[in-house]
Amino acid sequence: MSAVQVDPSISKVPIETNAKDQTTVCVLCSHNCGLTVDINDGHIENIRADASSPISHGYICNKGFSVDHYVNHAQRLSQPLKRKPDGGFEQIGWEQAIAEIAERLSTIITQHSPRACGLVGIGGQANHLDAPYGVTFLSLMKSRRFFN
């Protein structure tokens, strides 16, 4: 088996790039049903319900069976992109992206108050955890404005 080291915020142990019967969970809704996947060269090849899952007890829905289409989608971004003056984009690092976003949000809050920041969305297709994360993020900015 081969593995790749990832940022410790993602996993403290290397992630297998070739594995059979790897247990994981679906993140396309808040239930987090148990999955068993086969991985070849870093790509999910086969998805099954995990019968040993204490959450879903061997059940997954159609979204769970299609999780590889989200993970391996050709338009999925894996790096932050920053808009250039000509309208195009350039790849930047995560630290730079987070620092620049934090600086811009801080300026907006200072100039216009926390009420100038809000969240639009919550509860769309794929990962309903945006609601608790988004609302927590807003509360940290002292804003209570979200619209769905």
N, C-alpha and C. Protein backbone atom coordinates (compact mmCIF):
# COMPACT_ATOMS: atom_id res chain seq x y z
N MET A 1 0.85 -1.19 0.00
CA MET A 1 0.00 0.00 0.00
C MET A 1 0.88 1.24 0.00
N SER A 2 0.41 2.27 -0.69
CA SER A 2 1.12 3.54 -0.68
C SER A 2 0.24 4.57 0.00
N ALA A 3 0.88 5.60 0.53
CA ALA A 3 0.14 6.62 1.26
C ALA A 3 0.75 7.98 0.96
N VAL A 4 -0.05 9.01 1.18
CA VAL A 4 0.41 10.38 1.00
C VAL A 4 0.19 11.14 2.31
N GLN A 5 1.20 11.90 2.71
CA GLN A 5 1.08 12.73 3.91
C GLN A 5 0.28 13.97 3.55
N VAL A 6 -0.67 14.33 4.38
CA VAL A 6 -1.50 15.51 4.15
C VAL A 6 -1.36 16.45 5.33
N ASP A 7 -1.92 17.63 5.20
CA ASP A 7 -1.88 18.60 6.29
C ASP A 7 -2.46 17.97 7.55
N PRO A 8 -1.83 18.18 8.70
CA PRO A 8 -2.33 17.58 9.95
C PRO A 8 -3.76 17.97 10.32
N SER A 9 -4.26 19.08 9.78
CA SER A 9 -5.65 19.46 10.05
C SER A 9 -6.62 18.52 9.34
N ILE A 10 -6.14 17.80 8.32
CA ILE A 10 -6.97 16.86 7.59
C ILE A 10 -6.85 15.47 8.20
N SER A 11 -5.61 15.02 8.41
CA SER A 11 -5.38 13.69 8.98
C SER A 11 -4.00 13.66 9.61
N LYS A 12 -3.91 13.09 10.79
CA LYS A 12 -2.61 12.97 11.46
C LYS A 12 -1.82 11.77 10.97
N VAL A 13 -2.46 10.91 10.22
CA VAL A 13 -1.78 9.76 9.63
C VAL A 13 -1.85 9.87 8.11
N PRO A 14 -0.88 9.33 7.40
CA PRO A 14 -0.94 9.38 5.93
C PRO A 14 -2.21 8.72 5.40
N ILE A 15 -2.70 9.22 4.28
CA ILE A 15 -3.90 8.69 3.65
C ILE A 15 -3.49 7.71 2.56
N GLU A 16 -4.09 6.54 2.60
CA GLU A 16 -3.77 5.51 1.62
C GLU A 16 -4.19 5.94 0.22
N THR A 17 -3.33 5.70 -0.76
CA THR A 17 -3.68 6.01 -2.14
C THR A 17 -4.08 4.77 -2.92
N ASN A 18 -3.81 3.61 -2.35
CA ASN A 18 -4.22 2.33 -2.92
C ASN A 18 -4.69 1.46 -1.77
N ALA A 19 -5.96 1.16 -1.73
CA ALA A 19 -6.48 0.36 -0.61
C ALA A 19 -7.78 -0.32 -1.02
N LYS A 20 -8.00 -1.47 -0.44
CA LYS A 20 -9.27 -2.19 -0.62
C LYS A 20 -9.99 -2.16 0.73
N ASP A 21 -11.29 -2.04 0.68
CA ASP A 21 -12.13 -2.09 1.89
C ASP A 21 -11.74 -1.03 2.93
N GLN A 22 -11.45 0.17 2.46
CA GLN A 22 -11.12 1.29 3.35
C GLN A 22 -12.42 1.86 3.91
N THR A 23 -12.55 1.95 5.23
CA THR A 23 -13.78 2.50 5.81
C THR A 23 -13.66 4.02 5.92
N THR A 24 -14.77 4.67 5.67
CA THR A 24 -14.84 6.13 5.75
C THR A 24 -16.31 6.49 5.93
N VAL A 25 -16.66 7.75 5.78
CA VAL A 25 -18.05 8.18 5.87
C VAL A 25 -18.39 9.09 4.70
N CYS A 26 -19.64 9.12 4.35
CA CYS A 26 -20.15 10.03 3.33
C CYS A 26 -20.35 11.40 3.97
N VAL A 27 -19.97 12.46 3.25
CA VAL A 27 -20.13 13.81 3.80
C VAL A 27 -21.17 14.63 3.03
N LEU A 28 -22.01 13.95 2.24
CA LEU A 28 -22.97 14.67 1.41
C LEU A 28 -24.23 15.09 2.16
N CYS A 29 -24.39 14.68 3.39
CA CYS A 29 -25.46 15.20 4.25
C CYS A 29 -25.02 15.03 5.70
N SER A 30 -25.85 15.41 6.60
CA SER A 30 -25.48 15.41 8.01
C SER A 30 -25.50 14.03 8.65
N HIS A 31 -25.99 13.01 7.97
CA HIS A 31 -26.05 11.67 8.57
C HIS A 31 -24.69 10.99 8.63
N ASN A 32 -23.81 11.32 7.70
CA ASN A 32 -22.47 10.72 7.64
C ASN A 32 -22.50 9.21 7.66
N CYS A 33 -23.24 8.63 6.72
CA CYS A 33 -23.36 7.17 6.62
C CYS A 33 -22.00 6.53 6.36
N GLY A 34 -21.85 5.32 6.90
CA GLY A 34 -20.60 4.59 6.75
C GLY A 34 -20.42 4.04 5.35
N LEU A 35 -19.23 4.23 4.80
CA LEU A 35 -18.88 3.73 3.47
C LEU A 35 -17.67 2.81 3.57
N THR A 36 -17.59 1.88 2.66
CA THR A 36 -16.40 1.10 2.43
C THR A 36 -16.00 1.36 1.00
N VAL A 37 -14.75 1.78 0.78
CA VAL A 37 -14.33 2.15 -0.57
C VAL A 37 -13.05 1.42 -0.96
N ASP A 38 -12.90 1.24 -2.25
CA ASP A 38 -11.65 0.75 -2.83
C ASP A 38 -11.01 1.95 -3.52
N ILE A 39 -9.72 2.14 -3.28
CA ILE A 39 -9.01 3.29 -3.81
C ILE A 39 -7.87 2.78 -4.68
N ASN A 40 -7.75 3.34 -5.90
CA ASN A 40 -6.67 2.97 -6.80
C ASN A 40 -6.01 4.25 -7.30
N ASP A 41 -4.74 4.40 -7.03
CA ASP A 41 -3.98 5.57 -7.46
C ASP A 41 -4.62 6.87 -6.99
N GLY A 42 -5.14 6.86 -5.75
CA GLY A 42 -5.73 8.04 -5.16
C GLY A 42 -7.16 8.35 -5.57
N HIS A 43 -7.78 7.48 -6.37
CA HIS A 43 -9.15 7.70 -6.82
C HIS A 43 -10.06 6.59 -6.32
N ILE A 44 -11.25 6.98 -5.88
CA ILE A 44 -12.24 6.01 -5.43
C ILE A 44 -12.73 5.23 -6.64
N GLU A 45 -12.67 3.91 -6.55
CA GLU A 45 -13.13 3.07 -7.66
C GLU A 45 -14.40 2.31 -7.35
N ASN A 46 -14.64 1.99 -6.10
CA ASN A 46 -15.81 1.19 -5.76
C ASN A 46 -16.32 1.66 -4.39
N ILE A 47 -17.63 1.80 -4.26
CA ILE A 47 -18.25 2.28 -3.03
C ILE A 47 -19.31 1.29 -2.60
N ARG A 48 -19.28 0.95 -1.32
CA ARG A 48 -20.28 0.05 -0.74
C ARG A 48 -20.69 0.61 0.62
N ALA A 49 -21.85 0.19 1.07
CA ALA A 49 -22.29 0.54 2.42
C ALA A 49 -21.43 -0.22 3.43
N ASP A 50 -21.09 0.43 4.53
CA ASP A 50 -20.30 -0.22 5.59
C ASP A 50 -21.26 -0.85 6.59
N ALA A 51 -21.36 -2.16 6.55
CA ALA A 51 -22.28 -2.88 7.43
C ALA A 51 -21.91 -2.72 8.90
N SER A 52 -20.65 -2.41 9.20
CA SER A 52 -20.23 -2.28 10.60
C SER A 52 -20.43 -0.86 11.15
N SER A 53 -20.94 0.05 10.33
CA SER A 53 -21.11 1.44 10.76
C SER A 53 -22.17 1.55 11.86
N PRO A 54 -21.82 2.14 13.00
CA PRO A 54 -22.82 2.33 14.06
C PRO A 54 -23.82 3.44 13.73
N ILE A 55 -23.55 4.19 12.67
CA ILE A 55 -24.43 5.28 12.27
C ILE A 55 -25.51 4.78 11.32
N SER A 56 -25.09 4.10 10.25
CA SER A 56 -26.04 3.75 9.20
C SER A 56 -26.32 2.25 9.08
N HIS A 57 -25.59 1.43 9.82
CA HIS A 57 -25.86 -0.01 9.88
C HIS A 57 -25.99 -0.65 8.50
N GLY A 58 -25.10 -0.30 7.57
CA GLY A 58 -25.10 -0.93 6.25
C GLY A 58 -26.00 -0.27 5.22
N TYR A 59 -26.50 0.92 5.49
CA TYR A 59 -27.36 1.63 4.54
C TYR A 59 -26.62 2.84 4.00
N ILE A 60 -26.74 3.11 2.72
CA ILE A 60 -26.37 4.40 2.13
C ILE A 60 -27.37 4.70 1.02
N CYS A 61 -27.58 5.98 0.76
CA CYS A 61 -28.52 6.38 -0.29
C CYS A 61 -27.77 6.56 -1.61
N ASN A 62 -28.48 7.02 -2.62
CA ASN A 62 -27.86 7.23 -3.93
C ASN A 62 -26.75 8.27 -3.90
N LYS A 63 -26.88 9.27 -3.03
CA LYS A 63 -25.81 10.27 -2.92
C LYS A 63 -24.53 9.60 -2.45
N GLY A 64 -24.64 8.72 -1.47
CA GLY A 64 -23.47 8.02 -0.96
C GLY A 64 -22.79 7.18 -2.03
N PHE A 65 -23.61 6.52 -2.85
CA PHE A 65 -23.04 5.71 -3.93
C PHE A 65 -22.34 6.57 -4.98
N SER A 66 -22.67 7.86 -5.05
CA SER A 66 -22.08 8.73 -6.08
C SER A 66 -21.04 9.69 -5.52
N VAL A 67 -20.57 9.47 -4.30
CA VAL A 67 -19.63 10.39 -3.68
C VAL A 67 -18.36 10.56 -4.52
N ASP A 68 -17.96 9.54 -5.26
CA ASP A 68 -16.77 9.66 -6.10
C ASP A 68 -16.93 10.72 -7.19
N HIS A 69 -18.17 10.98 -7.63
CA HIS A 69 -18.40 12.00 -8.64
C HIS A 69 -18.13 13.40 -8.08
N TYR A 70 -18.32 13.58 -6.79
CA TYR A 70 -17.99 14.85 -6.15
C TYR A 70 -16.49 14.94 -5.91
N VAL A 71 -15.92 13.87 -5.40
CA VAL A 71 -14.50 13.85 -5.05
C VAL A 71 -13.62 14.00 -6.29
N ASN A 72 -13.97 13.32 -7.37
CA ASN A 72 -13.14 13.29 -8.57
C ASN A 72 -13.64 14.19 -9.69
N HIS A 73 -14.54 15.11 -9.39
CA HIS A 73 -15.11 15.97 -10.44
C HIS A 73 -14.02 16.84 -11.07
N ALA A 74 -14.06 16.96 -12.37
CA ALA A 74 -13.05 17.71 -13.11
C ALA A 74 -12.99 19.18 -12.72
N GLN A 75 -14.10 19.75 -12.25
CA GLN A 75 -14.13 21.17 -11.89
C GLN A 75 -13.87 21.42 -10.40
N ARG A 76 -13.57 20.38 -9.65
CA ARG A 76 -13.32 20.56 -8.23
C ARG A 76 -11.96 21.23 -8.02
N LEU A 77 -11.95 22.26 -7.19
CA LEU A 77 -10.70 22.97 -6.90
C LEU A 77 -9.95 22.27 -5.78
N SER A 78 -8.64 22.23 -5.89
CA SER A 78 -7.82 21.65 -4.83
C SER A 78 -6.87 22.67 -4.24
N GLN A 79 -6.82 23.85 -4.81
CA GLN A 79 -5.96 24.94 -4.34
C GLN A 79 -6.77 26.24 -4.39
N PRO A 80 -6.47 27.18 -3.50
CA PRO A 80 -7.13 28.48 -3.58
C PRO A 80 -6.73 29.20 -4.87
N LEU A 81 -7.68 29.93 -5.43
CA LEU A 81 -7.42 30.74 -6.61
C LEU A 81 -7.70 32.20 -6.28
N LYS A 82 -6.84 33.08 -6.76
CA LYS A 82 -7.00 34.51 -6.56
C LYS A 82 -7.23 35.16 -7.92
N ARG A 83 -8.26 36.03 -7.95
CA ARG A 83 -8.57 36.71 -9.21
C ARG A 83 -7.47 37.73 -9.52
N LYS A 84 -7.04 37.72 -10.78
CA LYS A 84 -6.04 38.67 -11.25
C LYS A 84 -6.74 39.88 -11.86
N PRO A 85 -6.04 40.99 -12.01
CA PRO A 85 -6.67 42.20 -12.59
C PRO A 85 -7.28 41.96 -13.97
N ASP A 86 -6.73 41.03 -14.74
CA ASP A 86 -7.28 40.78 -16.08
C ASP A 86 -8.50 39.86 -16.07
N GLY A 87 -8.94 39.43 -14.87
CA GLY A 87 -10.12 38.58 -14.74
C GLY A 87 -9.81 37.11 -14.63
N GLY A 88 -8.58 36.73 -14.93
CA GLY A 88 -8.16 35.33 -14.79
C GLY A 88 -7.87 35.00 -13.33
N PHE A 89 -7.34 33.83 -13.11
CA PHE A 89 -7.03 33.38 -11.75
C PHE A 89 -5.61 32.86 -11.67
N GLU A 90 -5.03 32.97 -10.48
CA GLU A 90 -3.73 32.38 -10.20
C GLU A 90 -3.83 31.57 -8.92
N GLN A 91 -3.10 30.45 -8.88
CA GLN A 91 -3.07 29.64 -7.66
C GLN A 91 -2.24 30.33 -6.61
N ILE A 92 -2.75 30.31 -5.37
CA ILE A 92 -1.98 30.82 -4.24
C ILE A 92 -2.04 29.77 -3.13
N GLY A 93 -1.21 29.93 -2.13
CA GLY A 93 -1.18 29.00 -1.00
C GLY A 93 -2.33 29.25 -0.03
N TRP A 94 -2.60 28.25 0.79
CA TRP A 94 -3.69 28.36 1.77
C TRP A 94 -3.44 29.47 2.77
N GLU A 95 -2.21 29.57 3.28
CA GLU A 95 -1.91 30.61 4.27
C GLU A 95 -2.14 32.00 3.71
N GLN A 96 -1.70 32.24 2.48
CA GLN A 96 -1.92 33.53 1.84
C GLN A 96 -3.40 33.79 1.65
N ALA A 97 -4.15 32.80 1.17
CA ALA A 97 -5.58 32.97 0.94
C ALA A 97 -6.31 33.32 2.22
N ILE A 98 -6.05 32.58 3.28
CA ILE A 98 -6.72 32.82 4.56
C ILE A 98 -6.35 34.19 5.11
N ALA A 99 -5.07 34.56 5.02
CA ALA A 99 -4.63 35.86 5.53
C ALA A 99 -5.30 37.01 4.77
N GLU A 100 -5.36 36.90 3.45
CA GLU A 100 -5.97 37.97 2.65
C GLU A 100 -7.47 38.08 2.90
N ILE A 101 -8.14 36.94 3.01
CA ILE A 101 -9.58 36.96 3.29
C ILE A 101 -9.84 37.56 4.68
N ALA A 102 -9.04 37.17 5.67
CA ALA A 102 -9.20 37.70 7.03
C ALA A 102 -8.99 39.21 7.05
N GLU A 103 -8.00 39.67 6.31
CA GLU A 103 -7.73 41.11 6.26
C GLU A 103 -8.90 41.87 5.62
N ARG A 104 -9.44 41.34 4.54
CA ARG A 104 -10.56 42.00 3.86
C ARG A 104 -11.81 42.01 4.74
N LEU A 105 -12.10 40.88 5.41
CA LEU A 105 -13.26 40.84 6.31
C LEU A 105 -13.09 41.81 7.47
N SER A 106 -11.89 41.86 8.02
CA SER A 106 -11.62 42.78 9.13
C SER A 106 -11.86 44.23 8.71
N THR A 107 -11.42 44.58 7.52
CA THR A 107 -11.63 45.94 7.00
C THR A 107 -13.12 46.23 6.83
N ILE A 108 -13.86 45.29 6.29
CA ILE A 108 -15.32 45.47 6.11
C ILE A 108 -16.00 45.67 7.45
N ILE A 109 -15.66 44.84 8.44
CA ILE A 109 -16.29 44.93 9.76
C ILE A 109 -15.93 46.26 10.43
N THR A 110 -14.67 46.68 10.31
CA THR A 110 -14.24 47.95 10.91
C THR A 110 -14.97 49.13 10.28
N GLN A 111 -15.09 49.11 8.97
CA GLN A 111 -15.71 50.25 8.26
C GLN A 111 -17.23 50.25 8.33
N HIS A 112 -17.86 49.05 8.35
CA HIS A 112 -19.30 48.99 8.19
C HIS A 112 -20.05 48.24 9.28
N SER A 113 -19.37 47.69 10.26
CA SER A 113 -19.92 46.92 11.37
C SER A 113 -20.13 45.46 10.97
N PRO A 114 -20.27 44.57 11.95
CA PRO A 114 -20.50 43.16 11.64
C PRO A 114 -21.76 42.89 10.82
N ARG A 115 -22.72 43.82 10.87
CA ARG A 115 -23.96 43.63 10.11
C ARG A 115 -23.71 43.62 8.60
N ALA A 116 -22.54 44.07 8.17
CA ALA A 116 -22.21 44.07 6.75
C ALA A 116 -21.83 42.68 6.25
N CYS A 117 -21.65 41.74 7.16
CA CYS A 117 -21.27 40.37 6.79
C CYS A 117 -22.45 39.45 7.01
N GLY A 118 -22.70 38.61 6.03
CA GLY A 118 -23.79 37.66 6.15
C GLY A 118 -23.47 36.40 5.37
N LEU A 119 -24.31 35.42 5.57
CA LEU A 119 -24.15 34.14 4.90
C LEU A 119 -25.40 33.86 4.09
N VAL A 120 -25.22 33.51 2.83
CA VAL A 120 -26.33 33.15 1.97
C VAL A 120 -26.18 31.68 1.63
N GLY A 121 -27.21 30.92 1.87
CA GLY A 121 -27.15 29.50 1.55
C GLY A 121 -27.59 28.65 2.72
N ILE A 122 -26.85 27.64 3.01
CA ILE A 122 -27.04 26.64 4.05
C ILE A 122 -28.04 25.58 3.60
N GLY A 123 -27.57 24.36 3.65
CA GLY A 123 -28.43 23.22 3.39
C GLY A 123 -28.55 22.82 1.94
N GLY A 124 -27.55 23.13 1.12
CA GLY A 124 -27.59 22.73 -0.28
C GLY A 124 -27.14 21.30 -0.47
N GLN A 125 -27.05 20.90 -1.70
CA GLN A 125 -26.59 19.56 -2.03
C GLN A 125 -25.12 19.43 -1.66
N ALA A 126 -24.79 18.44 -0.90
CA ALA A 126 -23.41 18.11 -0.55
C ALA A 126 -22.95 18.83 0.72
N ASN A 127 -22.91 18.10 1.76
CA ASN A 127 -22.36 18.50 3.05
C ASN A 127 -23.18 19.58 3.74
N HIS A 128 -24.11 19.16 4.53
CA HIS A 128 -24.97 20.08 5.27
C HIS A 128 -24.27 20.66 6.50
N LEU A 129 -23.00 20.35 6.65
CA LEU A 129 -22.25 20.91 7.77
C LEU A 129 -21.94 22.39 7.55
N ASP A 130 -22.28 22.92 6.37
CA ASP A 130 -22.09 24.34 6.16
C ASP A 130 -22.93 25.15 7.14
N ALA A 131 -24.05 24.61 7.59
CA ALA A 131 -24.91 25.34 8.53
C ALA A 131 -24.21 25.57 9.87
N PRO A 132 -23.78 24.52 10.59
CA PRO A 132 -23.12 24.80 11.87
C PRO A 132 -21.81 25.55 11.71
N TYR A 133 -21.03 25.23 10.67
CA TYR A 133 -19.77 25.96 10.46
C TYR A 133 -20.06 27.41 10.12
N GLY A 134 -21.00 27.64 9.21
CA GLY A 134 -21.32 28.99 8.79
C GLY A 134 -21.87 29.85 9.91
N VAL A 135 -22.80 29.30 10.69
CA VAL A 135 -23.39 30.06 11.79
C VAL A 135 -22.34 30.33 12.87
N THR A 136 -21.47 29.38 13.12
CA THR A 136 -20.38 29.60 14.09
C THR A 136 -19.46 30.69 13.60
N PHE A 137 -19.12 30.65 12.31
CA PHE A 137 -18.26 31.68 11.72
C PHE A 137 -18.90 33.06 11.87
N LEU A 138 -20.19 33.16 11.57
CA LEU A 138 -20.89 34.44 11.72
C LEU A 138 -20.87 34.91 13.17
N SER A 139 -21.10 34.00 14.10
CA SER A 139 -21.12 34.41 15.51
C SER A 139 -19.76 34.92 15.96
N LEU A 140 -18.69 34.34 15.44
CA LEU A 140 -17.35 34.81 15.77
C LEU A 140 -17.10 36.22 15.22
N MET A 141 -17.78 36.56 14.12
CA MET A 141 -17.67 37.91 13.55
C MET A 141 -18.68 38.87 14.19
N LYS A 142 -19.50 38.33 15.11
CA LYS A 142 -20.55 39.13 15.78
C LYS A 142 -21.67 39.52 14.83
N SER A 143 -21.92 38.67 13.84
CA SER A 143 -23.03 38.90 12.90
C SER A 143 -24.06 37.81 13.09
N ARG A 144 -25.33 38.17 12.94
CA ARG A 144 -26.40 37.18 13.01
C ARG A 144 -27.17 37.12 11.70
N ARG A 145 -26.57 37.56 10.63
CA ARG A 145 -27.25 37.66 9.35
C ARG A 145 -26.97 36.44 8.49
N PHE A 146 -27.97 35.57 8.35
CA PHE A 146 -27.87 34.52 7.35
C PHE A 146 -29.21 34.34 6.68
N PHE A 147 -29.14 34.00 5.43
CA PHE A 147 -30.33 33.89 4.59
C PHE A 147 -30.27 32.56 3.85
N ASN A 148 -31.41 31.84 3.85
CA ASN A 148 -31.41 30.57 3.11
C ASN A 148 -32.65 30.48 2.24
